[in-house]
N, C-alpha and C. Protein backbone atom coordinates (compact mmCIF):
# COMPACT_ATOMS: atom_id res chain seq x y z
N MET A 1 0.86 -1.17 0.00
CA MET A 1 0.00 0.00 0.00
C MET A 1 0.91 1.23 0.00
N ASN A 2 0.63 2.17 -0.90
CA ASN A 2 1.46 3.37 -0.95
C ASN A 2 0.88 4.45 -0.03
N MET A 3 1.57 5.56 0.05
CA MET A 3 1.19 6.63 0.99
C MET A 3 -0.18 7.22 0.66
N GLY A 4 -0.50 7.36 -0.63
CA GLY A 4 -1.79 7.91 -1.04
C GLY A 4 -2.95 7.04 -0.60
N GLU A 5 -2.78 5.70 -0.75
CA GLU A 5 -3.84 4.77 -0.33
C GLU A 5 -4.02 4.80 1.19
N ALA A 6 -2.91 4.87 1.93
CA ALA A 6 -2.99 4.90 3.39
C ALA A 6 -3.70 6.17 3.86
N GLN A 7 -3.42 7.28 3.24
CA GLN A 7 -4.05 8.54 3.63
C GLN A 7 -5.54 8.51 3.29
N THR A 8 -5.91 7.89 2.17
CA THR A 8 -7.31 7.78 1.79
C THR A 8 -8.08 6.97 2.82
N LEU A 9 -7.49 5.87 3.33
CA LEU A 9 -8.15 5.04 4.33
C LEU A 9 -8.36 5.80 5.64
N VAL A 10 -7.41 6.67 5.99
CA VAL A 10 -7.52 7.43 7.22
C VAL A 10 -8.65 8.45 7.13
N ASN A 11 -8.85 9.03 5.96
CA ASN A 11 -9.85 10.10 5.79
C ASN A 11 -11.25 9.58 5.50
N ARG A 12 -11.46 8.29 5.50
CA ARG A 12 -12.78 7.74 5.19
C ARG A 12 -13.75 7.95 6.34
N THR A 13 -15.01 8.13 5.99
CA THR A 13 -16.08 8.28 6.98
C THR A 13 -16.76 6.94 7.16
N PRO A 14 -16.97 6.51 8.39
CA PRO A 14 -17.66 5.23 8.59
C PRO A 14 -19.09 5.27 8.03
N CYS A 15 -19.51 4.18 7.44
CA CYS A 15 -20.85 4.08 6.86
C CYS A 15 -21.77 3.39 7.87
N GLU A 16 -22.88 4.01 8.16
CA GLU A 16 -23.83 3.43 9.12
C GLU A 16 -24.78 2.50 8.38
N ARG A 17 -24.96 1.29 8.88
CA ARG A 17 -25.90 0.34 8.29
C ARG A 17 -27.19 0.36 9.11
N PHE A 18 -28.31 0.26 8.41
CA PHE A 18 -29.60 0.25 9.06
C PHE A 18 -30.31 -1.05 8.74
N SER A 19 -31.15 -1.50 9.64
CA SER A 19 -31.92 -2.71 9.44
C SER A 19 -33.31 -2.53 10.04
N ARG A 20 -34.26 -3.21 9.45
CA ARG A 20 -35.62 -3.16 10.00
C ARG A 20 -35.72 -4.22 11.08
N SER A 21 -35.97 -3.79 12.27
CA SER A 21 -36.05 -4.70 13.41
C SER A 21 -37.32 -4.41 14.18
N MET A 22 -38.17 -5.40 14.33
CA MET A 22 -39.41 -5.25 15.08
C MET A 22 -40.27 -4.10 14.53
N GLY A 23 -40.24 -3.92 13.20
CA GLY A 23 -41.07 -2.91 12.56
C GLY A 23 -40.45 -1.52 12.51
N PHE A 24 -39.28 -1.34 13.10
CA PHE A 24 -38.62 -0.04 13.10
C PHE A 24 -37.30 -0.13 12.36
N ILE A 25 -36.92 0.94 11.68
CA ILE A 25 -35.62 0.99 11.03
C ILE A 25 -34.63 1.59 12.02
N ARG A 26 -33.63 0.78 12.39
CA ARG A 26 -32.67 1.19 13.43
C ARG A 26 -31.25 0.98 12.94
N PRO A 27 -30.30 1.79 13.41
CA PRO A 27 -28.90 1.56 13.05
C PRO A 27 -28.38 0.27 13.70
N VAL A 28 -27.63 -0.50 12.94
CA VAL A 28 -27.08 -1.76 13.44
C VAL A 28 -26.14 -1.52 14.62
N SER A 29 -25.49 -0.39 14.65
CA SER A 29 -24.55 -0.10 15.75
C SER A 29 -25.27 -0.01 17.10
N ASN A 30 -26.59 0.20 17.11
CA ASN A 30 -27.35 0.27 18.36
C ASN A 30 -27.89 -1.08 18.82
N PHE A 31 -27.67 -2.13 18.04
CA PHE A 31 -28.17 -3.45 18.41
C PHE A 31 -27.42 -4.00 19.61
N ASN A 32 -28.13 -4.77 20.45
CA ASN A 32 -27.44 -5.46 21.54
C ASN A 32 -26.76 -6.71 20.97
N ILE A 33 -26.03 -7.44 21.78
CA ILE A 33 -25.23 -8.57 21.30
C ILE A 33 -26.10 -9.62 20.62
N GLY A 34 -27.24 -9.94 21.22
CA GLY A 34 -28.11 -10.96 20.65
C GLY A 34 -28.71 -10.56 19.32
N LYS A 35 -29.20 -9.34 19.22
CA LYS A 35 -29.79 -8.85 17.98
C LYS A 35 -28.74 -8.72 16.88
N TYR A 36 -27.52 -8.30 17.24
CA TYR A 36 -26.44 -8.19 16.25
C TYR A 36 -26.06 -9.57 15.72
N SER A 37 -26.02 -10.57 16.61
CA SER A 37 -25.71 -11.93 16.20
C SER A 37 -26.77 -12.44 15.23
N GLU A 38 -28.03 -12.17 15.54
CA GLU A 38 -29.13 -12.57 14.66
C GLU A 38 -29.01 -11.86 13.31
N PHE A 39 -28.64 -10.59 13.32
CA PHE A 39 -28.47 -9.82 12.09
C PHE A 39 -27.37 -10.43 11.21
N CYS A 40 -26.28 -10.86 11.82
CA CYS A 40 -25.16 -11.44 11.08
C CYS A 40 -25.51 -12.79 10.45
N GLU A 41 -26.46 -13.51 11.04
CA GLU A 41 -26.85 -14.82 10.53
C GLU A 41 -27.87 -14.74 9.39
N ARG A 42 -28.42 -13.57 9.14
CA ARG A 42 -29.42 -13.43 8.09
C ARG A 42 -28.82 -13.69 6.72
N LYS A 43 -29.66 -14.18 5.82
CA LYS A 43 -29.25 -14.42 4.45
C LYS A 43 -30.01 -13.48 3.52
N THR A 44 -29.35 -13.05 2.47
CA THR A 44 -29.96 -12.14 1.50
C THR A 44 -30.80 -12.94 0.51
N PHE A 45 -32.01 -12.48 0.25
CA PHE A 45 -32.87 -13.12 -0.72
C PHE A 45 -32.30 -12.94 -2.12
N LYS A 46 -32.24 -14.04 -2.87
CA LYS A 46 -31.79 -13.99 -4.26
C LYS A 46 -32.88 -14.59 -5.12
N GLU A 47 -33.37 -13.84 -6.07
CA GLU A 47 -34.47 -14.31 -6.91
C GLU A 47 -34.07 -15.55 -7.70
N SER A 48 -32.79 -15.68 -8.05
CA SER A 48 -32.35 -16.84 -8.83
C SER A 48 -32.50 -18.14 -8.03
N ASN A 49 -32.54 -18.07 -6.70
CA ASN A 49 -32.71 -19.25 -5.87
C ASN A 49 -34.19 -19.57 -5.61
N CYS A 50 -35.06 -18.71 -6.07
CA CYS A 50 -36.49 -18.88 -5.85
C CYS A 50 -36.99 -20.08 -6.65
N LEU A 51 -37.99 -20.79 -6.13
CA LEU A 51 -38.49 -21.99 -6.81
C LEU A 51 -39.24 -21.69 -8.10
N THR A 52 -39.64 -20.45 -8.34
CA THR A 52 -40.42 -20.12 -9.53
C THR A 52 -39.58 -19.51 -10.65
N THR A 53 -38.28 -19.38 -10.46
CA THR A 53 -37.42 -18.81 -11.50
C THR A 53 -36.08 -19.54 -11.52
N GLY A 54 -35.36 -19.32 -12.57
CA GLY A 54 -33.98 -19.78 -12.63
C GLY A 54 -33.82 -21.28 -12.88
N ALA A 55 -32.58 -21.75 -12.72
CA ALA A 55 -32.22 -23.13 -13.00
C ALA A 55 -32.94 -24.11 -12.08
N ARG A 56 -33.14 -23.73 -10.84
CA ARG A 56 -33.82 -24.62 -9.88
C ARG A 56 -35.25 -24.90 -10.34
N HIS A 57 -35.92 -23.87 -10.85
CA HIS A 57 -37.29 -24.04 -11.35
C HIS A 57 -37.31 -25.00 -12.54
N GLU A 58 -36.38 -24.82 -13.45
CA GLU A 58 -36.29 -25.69 -14.63
C GLU A 58 -36.03 -27.13 -14.21
N GLU A 59 -35.16 -27.32 -13.24
CA GLU A 59 -34.84 -28.66 -12.74
C GLU A 59 -36.08 -29.33 -12.16
N LEU A 60 -36.84 -28.59 -11.35
CA LEU A 60 -38.05 -29.14 -10.75
C LEU A 60 -39.12 -29.44 -11.80
N MET A 61 -39.23 -28.60 -12.81
CA MET A 61 -40.22 -28.83 -13.86
C MET A 61 -39.89 -30.07 -14.67
N LYS A 62 -38.60 -30.34 -14.91
CA LYS A 62 -38.19 -31.55 -15.65
C LYS A 62 -38.53 -32.79 -14.83
N LYS A 63 -38.32 -32.74 -13.51
CA LYS A 63 -38.64 -33.88 -12.67
C LYS A 63 -40.14 -34.12 -12.61
N ALA A 64 -40.93 -33.06 -12.66
CA ALA A 64 -42.38 -33.18 -12.57
C ALA A 64 -42.99 -33.74 -13.86
N ALA A 65 -42.31 -33.56 -14.98
CA ALA A 65 -42.85 -33.98 -16.29
C ALA A 65 -42.74 -35.47 -16.52
């Protein structure tokens, strides 16, 4: 890492992440240990993994035929 990259990292502003918890949008930094652990275990929804689209859907339709 050169001097310019190191200085850029020092001048960066932290990014606050928000999550919907119990119906409210709250910053993740305010979560207690248990809620933060639960937040880290969450998985992101991907439409390609959905049963009605993508390769998985085609695979299931071939088996059903």
